[in-house]
């Protein structure tokens, strides 16, 4: 039953947001029942973490009242819940660090954002090799292990001279569903958090802007896609360099550390004829 105080625009927005997620679930075999069980867990977890009174953990009864989940299920889910929040897998965070060094730090790049092709072995390239790049970030993992994983994900290629080429200017796996799913969850979560914060009207709003047009030709969309891919990537790399420079001089305590996400996306589809009709005078 809809609350009399709930704006109809809220349900309309939620219905629109859910459509691409339901599309993904149907493609991957996630049924309504499976998703409903998952959603029940999320409702209980968010109520437990974020809807406290005087910093005291809410009771099962309060969570049941807030969420509409039966108290018996609340008790079971709280006992079974994993209290840790999902983070990006270690191979992704390590990969992002390595690509950042490869594209921004000498001797691995010719200029900022211009990664060099690196001899695979330190015995050939010395301090300017793929082995040396990996060792600069971690001495606990061998370059060969990283290379095999990156070849699987399509992040790099190896030429006939046994030199490793970076295939993108950022750590963006071209293959590997698990890695893509991790980025999907991370990016969509942070974008949604910014949008939800801005909708709440509390505190300083996060930057969240977009441009949208609905009468472009396919050829124009293709041209615009190329511009966004090129200029948008350069903008994100510039942001990354600024953040890296700031992080290199920052010395926050563990309690004061902050993380950021800055994103840019492009999407296109056929314009709905019903939405593009010119209204009658």
Protein backbone atom coordinates (compact mmCIF):
# COMPACT_ATOMS: atom_id res chain seq x y z
CA UNK A 1 0.00 0.00 0.00
CA UNK A 2 1.37 3.42 -0.93
CA UNK A 3 1.92 5.88 1.90
CA UNK A 4 -0.31 8.96 1.55
CA UNK A 5 2.78 11.14 2.11
CA UNK A 6 4.87 9.43 -0.59
CA UNK A 7 5.08 11.59 -3.74
CA UNK A 8 3.96 9.71 -6.87
CA UNK A 9 7.11 11.04 -8.55
CA UNK A 10 9.18 8.94 -6.13
CA UNK A 11 7.63 5.66 -7.22
CA UNK A 12 7.83 6.72 -10.86
CA UNK A 13 11.56 7.44 -10.48
CA UNK A 14 12.20 4.14 -8.69
CA UNK A 15 10.32 2.22 -11.39
CA UNK A 16 12.49 3.84 -14.07
CA UNK A 17 15.71 3.18 -12.15
CA UNK A 18 14.81 -0.48 -11.67
CA UNK A 19 14.10 -1.27 -15.33
CA UNK A 20 17.73 -1.74 -16.51
CA UNK A 21 18.53 -3.68 -13.33
CA UNK A 22 15.61 -6.04 -13.92
CA UNK A 23 16.74 -6.41 -17.53
CA UNK A 24 20.19 -7.52 -16.31
CA UNK A 25 18.68 -9.91 -13.76
CA UNK A 26 16.43 -11.56 -16.33
CA UNK A 27 19.39 -12.02 -18.68
CA UNK A 28 21.45 -13.63 -15.91
CA UNK A 29 18.70 -15.83 -14.49
CA UNK A 30 17.95 -13.85 -11.33
CA UNK A 31 14.24 -14.40 -10.64
CA UNK A 32 11.86 -12.13 -8.76
CA UNK A 33 11.93 -14.49 -5.78
CA UNK A 34 15.73 -14.45 -5.61
CA UNK A 35 15.84 -10.67 -5.89
CA UNK A 36 13.07 -10.22 -3.31
CA UNK A 37 15.10 -12.27 -0.81
CA UNK A 38 18.18 -10.20 -1.59
CA UNK A 39 16.23 -6.95 -1.28
CA UNK A 40 14.87 -8.06 2.09
CA UNK A 41 18.46 -8.50 3.32
CA UNK A 42 19.38 -5.02 2.08
CA UNK A 43 16.37 -3.39 3.76
CA UNK A 44 17.27 -4.97 7.10
CA UNK A 45 20.98 -4.14 6.78
CA UNK A 46 20.42 -0.48 5.86
CA UNK A 47 17.88 -0.02 8.66
CA UNK A 48 20.32 -1.63 11.11
CA UNK A 49 23.29 0.49 10.03
CA UNK A 50 21.79 3.86 9.19
CA UNK A 51 18.52 4.35 11.08
CA UNK A 52 19.67 4.37 14.67
CA UNK A 53 18.33 6.40 17.59
CA UNK A 54 20.99 7.99 19.83
CA UNK A 55 23.59 5.78 18.12
CA UNK A 56 21.95 2.66 19.59
CA UNK A 57 21.36 -0.33 17.33
CA UNK A 58 17.64 -0.57 16.47
CA UNK A 59 15.62 -3.44 17.86
CA UNK A 60 14.12 -6.14 15.67
CA UNK A 61 10.72 -4.56 16.22
CA UNK A 62 11.90 -1.13 15.07
CA UNK A 63 13.53 -2.57 11.95
CA UNK A 64 10.35 -4.51 11.21
CA UNK A 65 8.31 -1.31 11.58
CA UNK A 66 10.69 0.67 9.31
CA UNK A 67 11.06 -1.94 6.58
CA UNK A 68 7.86 -3.95 6.59
CA UNK A 69 9.94 -7.14 6.92
CA UNK A 70 8.47 -9.63 9.40
CA UNK A 71 10.22 -9.57 12.78
CA UNK A 72 11.04 -13.27 12.54
CA UNK A 73 12.84 -12.65 9.24
CA UNK A 74 14.58 -9.59 10.69
CA UNK A 75 16.01 -11.69 13.53
CA UNK A 76 17.18 -14.39 11.13
CA UNK A 77 18.75 -11.94 8.68
CA UNK A 78 20.57 -10.02 11.41
CA UNK A 79 22.07 -13.28 12.69
CA UNK A 80 23.13 -14.35 9.21
CA UNK A 81 24.25 -10.95 7.94
CA UNK A 82 27.84 -10.31 6.89
CA UNK A 83 28.57 -6.93 8.46
CA UNK A 84 31.37 -6.10 6.02
CA UNK A 85 30.53 -3.90 3.05
CA UNK A 86 31.58 -5.01 -0.40
CA UNK A 87 34.79 -3.47 -1.72
CA UNK A 88 36.51 -3.73 -5.06
CA UNK A 89 38.48 -7.00 -5.38
CA UNK A 90 42.19 -6.79 -4.64
CA UNK A 91 43.16 -7.51 -8.25
CA UNK A 92 41.19 -4.44 -9.36
CA UNK A 93 42.62 -2.04 -6.76
CA UNK A 94 46.13 -3.31 -7.51
CA UNK A 95 45.48 -2.97 -11.24
CA UNK A 96 44.30 0.61 -10.87
CA UNK A 97 47.44 1.49 -8.90
CA UNK A 98 49.71 -0.11 -11.47
CA UNK A 99 48.07 1.63 -14.44
CA UNK A 100 48.25 4.95 -12.60
CA UNK A 101 52.01 4.54 -12.11
CA UNK A 102 52.49 3.25 -15.67
CA UNK A 103 50.77 6.27 -17.19
CA UNK A 104 52.08 8.97 -14.85
CA UNK A 105 55.51 8.06 -13.45
CA UNK A 106 58.91 8.01 -15.13
CA UNK A 107 60.51 5.85 -16.46
CA UNK A 108 57.32 3.97 -17.35
CA UNK A 109 55.81 6.78 -19.45
CA UNK A 110 57.16 9.24 -22.00
CA UNK A 111 54.83 11.97 -20.73
CA UNK A 112 51.90 12.12 -18.37
CA UNK A 113 49.21 9.83 -19.76
CA UNK A 114 51.57 8.27 -22.35
CA UNK A 115 52.44 4.75 -21.16
CA UNK A 116 55.51 3.19 -22.77
CA UNK A 117 55.71 -0.36 -24.09
CA UNK A 118 57.71 -2.17 -21.39
CA UNK A 119 60.03 -5.14 -21.81
CA UNK A 120 58.40 -7.95 -19.88
CA UNK A 121 61.48 -9.04 -17.91
CA UNK A 122 63.67 -7.00 -15.57
CA UNK A 123 66.66 -8.89 -17.01
CA UNK A 124 65.97 -7.09 -20.31
CA UNK A 125 64.45 -3.74 -19.35
CA UNK A 126 65.89 -3.23 -15.87
CA UNK A 127 64.10 -0.46 -13.98
CA UNK A 128 61.97 0.24 -17.05
CA UNK A 129 60.31 -3.17 -17.35
CA UNK A 130 56.94 -4.68 -16.54
CA UNK A 131 58.54 -6.66 -13.71
CA UNK A 132 59.91 -3.39 -12.26
CA UNK A 133 56.49 -1.74 -12.59
CA UNK A 134 54.83 -4.47 -10.53
CA UNK A 135 57.65 -4.48 -7.98
CA UNK A 136 57.21 -0.72 -7.50
CA UNK A 137 53.69 -1.33 -6.15
CA UNK A 138 54.04 -4.75 -4.54
CA UNK A 139 56.93 -7.06 -3.76
CA UNK A 140 54.51 -9.83 -2.75
CA UNK A 141 53.33 -10.64 -6.26
CA UNK A 142 55.32 -11.59 -9.34
CA UNK A 143 55.05 -9.70 -12.60
CA UNK A 144 54.18 -12.89 -14.47
CA UNK A 145 51.09 -13.43 -12.30
CA UNK A 146 49.84 -9.90 -13.01
CA UNK A 147 50.61 -10.23 -16.71
CA UNK A 148 48.68 -13.50 -17.08
CA UNK A 149 45.67 -11.96 -15.34
CA UNK A 150 45.82 -8.78 -17.45
CA UNK A 151 46.08 -10.77 -20.66
CA UNK A 152 42.95 -12.66 -19.59
CA UNK A 153 41.13 -9.39 -18.94
CA UNK A 154 42.33 -7.72 -22.15
CA UNK A 155 44.11 -4.90 -20.28
CA UNK A 156 47.45 -5.47 -22.04
CA UNK A 157 48.97 -7.25 -25.03
CA UNK A 158 52.46 -8.66 -25.62
CA UNK A 159 54.19 -8.06 -28.97
CA UNK A 160 56.74 -10.18 -30.86
CA UNK A 161 59.62 -8.48 -29.02
CA UNK A 162 58.16 -9.58 -25.66
CA UNK A 163 57.16 -6.01 -24.77
CA UNK A 164 53.97 -5.34 -22.83
CA UNK A 165 51.58 -2.71 -24.23
CA UNK A 166 48.83 -1.06 -22.18
CA UNK A 167 45.57 -1.34 -24.13
CA UNK A 168 43.74 1.43 -22.24
CA UNK A 169 44.65 4.55 -20.29
CA UNK A 170 42.87 3.27 -17.21
CA UNK A 171 42.28 -0.13 -15.63
CA UNK A 172 39.22 -1.17 -17.61
CA UNK A 173 38.90 -4.95 -18.03
CA UNK A 174 37.71 -5.80 -21.55
CA UNK A 175 36.93 -9.38 -20.49
CA UNK A 176 36.09 -11.10 -17.23
CA UNK A 177 32.50 -10.88 -15.99
CA UNK A 178 33.40 -10.87 -12.29
CA UNK A 179 35.66 -7.85 -12.71
CA UNK A 180 33.08 -6.00 -14.80
CA UNK A 181 30.41 -6.83 -12.22
CA UNK A 182 32.61 -5.42 -9.46
CA UNK A 183 32.96 -2.11 -11.32
CA UNK A 184 29.22 -2.18 -12.09
CA UNK A 185 28.40 -2.41 -8.38
CA UNK A 186 31.00 0.16 -7.34
CA UNK A 187 30.18 2.82 -9.92
CA UNK A 188 26.40 2.46 -9.81
CA UNK A 189 26.43 2.45 -6.00
CA UNK A 190 28.45 5.67 -5.76
CA UNK A 191 26.44 7.43 -8.47
CA UNK A 192 23.22 6.43 -6.71
CA UNK A 193 24.61 7.61 -3.35
CA UNK A 194 25.38 11.04 -4.80
CA UNK A 195 21.93 11.29 -6.41
CA UNK A 196 20.13 10.14 -3.23
CA UNK A 197 22.11 12.64 -1.15
CA UNK A 198 21.18 15.46 -3.51
CA UNK A 199 17.52 14.43 -3.45
CA UNK A 200 17.51 14.54 0.34
CA UNK A 201 18.42 18.25 0.29
CA UNK A 202 20.76 17.82 3.26
CA UNK A 203 24.30 19.17 3.35
CA UNK A 204 26.45 20.31 0.45
CA UNK A 205 25.25 18.70 -2.80
CA UNK A 206 27.54 16.49 -4.85
CA UNK A 207 28.28 17.45 -8.44
CA UNK A 208 25.89 15.49 -10.68
CA UNK A 209 25.06 16.93 -14.08
CA UNK A 210 24.25 15.60 -17.55
CA UNK A 211 23.30 16.76 -21.03
CA UNK A 212 20.58 15.05 -23.05
CA UNK A 213 19.13 15.46 -26.55
CA UNK A 214 16.47 13.39 -28.32
CA UNK A 215 16.55 14.31 -32.02
CA UNK A 216 20.02 13.25 -33.20
CA UNK A 217 20.74 11.03 -36.19
CA UNK A 218 22.63 7.74 -35.82
CA UNK A 219 25.63 9.30 -37.58
CA UNK A 220 25.66 12.24 -35.17
CA UNK A 221 25.40 9.91 -32.17
CA UNK A 222 28.40 7.92 -33.45
CA UNK A 223 30.40 11.12 -33.84
CA UNK A 224 29.40 12.31 -30.38
CA UNK A 225 30.30 8.90 -28.90
CA UNK A 226 33.84 9.26 -30.24
CA UNK A 227 34.19 12.76 -28.80
CA UNK A 228 33.03 11.61 -25.37
CA UNK A 229 35.35 8.59 -25.44
CA UNK A 230 38.38 10.73 -26.33
CA UNK A 231 37.81 13.98 -24.44
CA UNK A 232 36.01 12.33 -21.54
CA UNK A 233 38.91 9.95 -20.96
CA UNK A 234 41.38 12.83 -20.98
CA UNK A 235 39.26 14.69 -18.44
CA UNK A 236 39.11 11.67 -16.13
CA UNK A 237 42.87 11.15 -16.44
CA UNK A 238 43.42 14.81 -15.52
CA UNK A 239 41.22 14.33 -12.44
CA UNK A 240 43.18 11.18 -11.60
CA UNK A 241 46.51 13.02 -11.75
CA UNK A 242 45.21 15.77 -9.45
CA UNK A 243 43.91 13.21 -6.96
CA UNK A 244 47.19 11.26 -7.08
CA UNK A 245 49.22 14.42 -6.43
CA UNK A 246 47.01 15.33 -3.48
CA UNK A 247 47.16 11.81 -2.07
CA UNK A 248 50.96 11.83 -2.26
CA UNK A 249 51.15 14.78 0.16
CA UNK A 250 48.15 13.94 2.37
CA UNK A 251 48.79 12.24 5.70
CA UNK A 252 45.31 11.68 7.18
CA UNK A 253 44.77 9.34 10.11
CA UNK A 254 42.89 6.10 9.48
CA UNK A 255 39.74 7.69 10.90
CA UNK A 256 40.03 10.75 8.63
CA UNK A 257 40.63 8.96 5.33
CA UNK A 258 38.10 9.71 2.58
CA UNK A 259 37.52 7.99 -0.75
CA UNK A 260 36.17 9.60 -3.91
CA UNK A 261 34.62 8.45 -7.17
CA UNK A 262 34.38 10.70 -10.22
CA UNK A 263 32.60 9.23 -13.20
CA UNK A 264 31.48 10.01 -16.72
CA UNK A 265 29.10 7.92 -18.80
CA UNK A 266 27.49 7.89 -22.23
CA UNK A 267 24.23 6.21 -23.24
CA UNK A 268 22.02 6.23 -26.32
CA UNK A 269 18.83 4.50 -27.47
CA UNK A 270 16.01 5.12 -29.91
CA UNK A 271 13.81 8.04 -28.89
CA UNK A 272 10.34 7.00 -27.76
CA UNK A 273 7.94 8.35 -30.46
CA UNK A 274 5.31 9.03 -27.81
CA UNK A 275 7.71 11.26 -25.87
CA UNK A 276 8.89 13.17 -28.93
CA UNK A 277 5.48 14.15 -30.28
CA UNK A 278 4.92 17.85 -30.67
CA UNK A 279 2.01 18.87 -28.41
CA UNK A 280 -1.10 20.19 -30.08
CA UNK A 281 -1.41 24.00 -30.02
